[in-house]
Amino acid sequence: MRAFGVALLLTGCASIFDAPRPEADRTNVVIHFSLTDELPAGVNGDALEVGNVCHIRLRPSVYPDCVTHEVMHCLGWQHDEKPNQQFCFIR
């Protein structure tokens, strides 16, 4: 039973590292980052570009686990309109 648990754990980790790595649309970005609970219900974070600055807001409860998800938005990555946890490595 112990070997099964280790195999399951390793398989789960492999799926994280095997996730597709999207191309960045930009190579440079200025980010203004803030931790706040002032986000709509059900939203852990968001990224909004204003001029040459990308403003990231993230709930303290998911920091630092979801930083990658929002930074990727600043670099041009987009997912469908539904909120998701892709590239958000919540423990």
C-alpha atoms as a PDB file:
ATOM      1  CA  MET A   1       0.000   0.000   0.000  1.00  0.00           C
ATOM      2  CA  ARG A   2       2.860   2.377   0.791  1.00  0.00           C
ATOM      3  CA  ALA A   3       4.379   1.899  -2.696  1.00  0.00           C
ATOM      4  CA  PHE A   4       1.003   2.724  -4.246  1.00  0.00           C
ATOM      5  CA  GLY A   5       0.887   6.036  -2.322  1.00  0.00           C
ATOM      6  CA  VAL A   6       4.407   6.966  -3.437  1.00  0.00           C
ATOM      7  CA  ALA A   7       3.594   6.058  -7.064  1.00  0.00           C
ATOM      8  CA  LEU A   8       0.412   8.130  -6.886  1.00  0.00           C
ATOM      9  CA  LEU A   9       2.304  11.094  -5.427  1.00  0.00           C
ATOM     10  CA  LEU A  10       4.983  10.918  -8.114  1.00  0.00           C
ATOM     11  CA  THR A  11       2.375  10.633 -10.854  1.00  0.00           C
ATOM     12  CA  GLY A  12       0.616  13.737  -9.531  1.00  0.00           C
ATOM     13  CA  CYS A  13       3.860  15.716  -9.493  1.00  0.00           C
ATOM     14  CA  ALA A  14       4.726  14.543 -12.996  1.00  0.00           C
ATOM     15  CA  SER A  15       1.417  15.879 -14.296  1.00  0.00           C
ATOM     16  CA  ILE A  16       2.286  19.341 -12.930  1.00  0.00           C
ATOM     17  CA  PHE A  17       5.696  19.389 -14.573  1.00  0.00           C
ATOM     18  CA  ASP A  18       4.365  17.948 -17.833  1.00  0.00           C
ATOM     19  CA  ALA A  19       1.824  20.774 -18.207  1.00  0.00           C
ATOM     20  CA  PRO A  20       2.205  22.582 -21.536  1.00  0.00           C
ATOM     21  CA  ARG A  21       4.450  25.628 -21.334  1.00  0.00           C
ATOM     22  CA  PRO A  22       2.788  28.455 -23.268  1.00  0.00           C
ATOM     23  CA  GLU A  23       4.835  30.948 -25.251  1.00  0.00           C
ATOM     24  CA  ALA A  24       5.053  34.474 -23.872  1.00  0.00           C
ATOM     25  CA  ASP A  25       3.765  37.285 -26.103  1.00  0.00           C
ATOM     26  CA  ARG A  26       6.090  39.725 -24.338  1.00  0.00           C
ATOM     27  CA  THR A  27       9.597  39.471 -22.935  1.00  0.00           C
ATOM     28  CA  ASN A  28       9.435  42.555 -20.705  1.00  0.00           C
ATOM     29  CA  VAL A  29       6.677  43.779 -18.457  1.00  0.00           C
ATOM     30  CA  VAL A  30       6.358  46.160 -15.510  1.00  0.00           C
ATOM     31  CA  ILE A  31       4.180  44.666 -12.789  1.00  0.00           C
ATOM     32  CA  HIS A  32       2.414  46.414  -9.949  1.00  0.00           C
ATOM     33  CA  PHE A  33       1.559  43.697  -7.439  1.00  0.00           C
ATOM     34  CA  SER A  34      -0.832  43.950  -4.498  1.00  0.00           C
ATOM     35  CA  LEU A  35      -2.287  41.527  -1.980  1.00  0.00           C
ATOM     36  CA  THR A  36      -5.939  42.257  -1.265  1.00  0.00           C
ATOM     37  CA  ASP A  37      -9.227  40.617  -0.377  1.00  0.00           C
ATOM     38  CA  GLU A  38     -11.069  43.276  -2.392  1.00  0.00           C
ATOM     39  CA  LEU A  39     -11.855  40.962  -5.323  1.00  0.00           C
ATOM     40  CA  PRO A  40     -15.190  39.641  -6.568  1.00  0.00           C
ATOM     41  CA  ALA A  41     -16.540  36.548  -4.800  1.00  0.00           C
ATOM     42  CA  GLY A  42     -14.925  33.391  -6.169  1.00  0.00           C
ATOM     43  CA  VAL A  43     -11.971  35.248  -7.722  1.00  0.00           C
ATOM     44  CA  ASN A  44      -8.517  34.575  -6.248  1.00  0.00           C
ATOM     45  CA  GLY A  45      -6.667  37.084  -8.405  1.00  0.00           C
ATOM     46  CA  ASP A  46      -6.657  39.114 -11.573  1.00  0.00           C
ATOM     47  CA  ALA A  47      -4.278  40.895 -13.913  1.00  0.00           C
ATOM     48  CA  LEU A  48      -5.151  44.075 -15.795  1.00  0.00           C
ATOM     49  CA  GLU A  49      -2.912  45.954 -18.206  1.00  0.00           C
ATOM     50  CA  VAL A  50      -3.071  49.731 -18.093  1.00  0.00           C
ATOM     51  CA  GLY A  51      -0.650  51.339 -20.512  1.00  0.00           C
ATOM     52  CA  ASN A  52       2.744  49.727 -20.012  1.00  0.00           C
ATOM     53  CA  VAL A  53       1.980  48.422 -16.519  1.00  0.00           C
ATOM     54  CA  CYS A  54       0.288  45.159 -15.576  1.00  0.00           C
ATOM     55  CA  HIS A  55      -1.608  45.396 -12.280  1.00  0.00           C
ATOM     56  CA  ILE A  56      -1.902  42.097 -10.405  1.00  0.00           C
ATOM     57  CA  ARG A  57      -4.241  41.706  -7.448  1.00  0.00           C
ATOM     58  CA  LEU A  58      -4.047  38.472  -5.471  1.00  0.00           C
ATOM     59  CA  ARG A  59      -5.776  37.251  -2.337  1.00  0.00           C
ATOM     60  CA  PRO A  60      -3.360  36.778   0.577  1.00  0.00           C
ATOM     61  CA  SER A  61      -4.845  33.292   1.085  1.00  0.00           C
ATOM     62  CA  VAL A  62      -3.433  32.068  -2.257  1.00  0.00           C
ATOM     63  CA  TYR A  63      -0.108  33.916  -2.113  1.00  0.00           C
ATOM     64  CA  PRO A  64       2.442  32.802  -3.289  1.00  0.00           C
ATOM     65  CA  ASP A  65       0.796  29.752  -4.852  1.00  0.00           C
ATOM     66  CA  CYS A  66      -1.048  31.618  -7.630  1.00  0.00           C
ATOM     67  CA  VAL A  67       1.556  34.238  -8.553  1.00  0.00           C
ATOM     68  CA  THR A  68       2.614  32.302 -11.670  1.00  0.00           C
ATOM     69  CA  HIS A  69      -0.942  32.248 -13.050  1.00  0.00           C
ATOM     70  CA  GLU A  70      -1.299  36.038 -12.850  1.00  0.00           C
ATOM     71  CA  VAL A  71       2.241  36.834 -14.068  1.00  0.00           C
ATOM     72  CA  MET A  72       1.575  34.640 -17.108  1.00  0.00           C
ATOM     73  CA  HIS A  73      -1.444  36.838 -17.889  1.00  0.00           C
ATOM     74  CA  CYS A  74       0.889  39.859 -17.812  1.00  0.00           C
ATOM     75  CA  LEU A  75       3.078  38.103 -20.385  1.00  0.00           C
ATOM     76  CA  GLY A  76       0.117  37.570 -22.709  1.00  0.00           C
ATOM     77  CA  TRP A  77      -1.237  34.131 -21.736  1.00  0.00           C
ATOM     78  CA  GLN A  78      -5.019  33.815 -21.760  1.00  0.00           C
ATOM     79  CA  HIS A  79      -7.370  31.009 -20.844  1.00  0.00           C
ATOM     80  CA  ASP A  80     -11.067  30.681 -21.614  1.00  0.00           C
ATOM     81  CA  GLU A  81     -13.513  32.992 -19.856  1.00  0.00           C
ATOM     82  CA  LYS A  82     -14.079  30.572 -16.959  1.00  0.00           C
ATOM     83  CA  PRO A  83     -11.949  31.139 -13.850  1.00  0.00           C
ATOM     84  CA  ASN A  84      -9.491  28.305 -13.327  1.00  0.00           C
ATOM     85  CA  GLN A  85      -6.530  27.265 -11.220  1.00  0.00           C
ATOM     86  CA  GLN A  86      -4.157  26.348 -14.066  1.00  0.00           C
ATOM     87  CA  PHE A  87      -0.547  27.178 -13.077  1.00  0.00           C
ATOM     88  CA  CYS A  88      -1.828  27.930  -9.579  1.00  0.00           C
ATOM     89  CA  PHE A  89      -0.024  25.496  -7.310  1.00  0.00           C
ATOM     90  CA  ILE A  90      -2.206  25.551  -4.199  1.00  0.00           C
ATOM     91  CA  ARG A  91      -0.839  23.317  -1.461  1.00  0.00           C
END
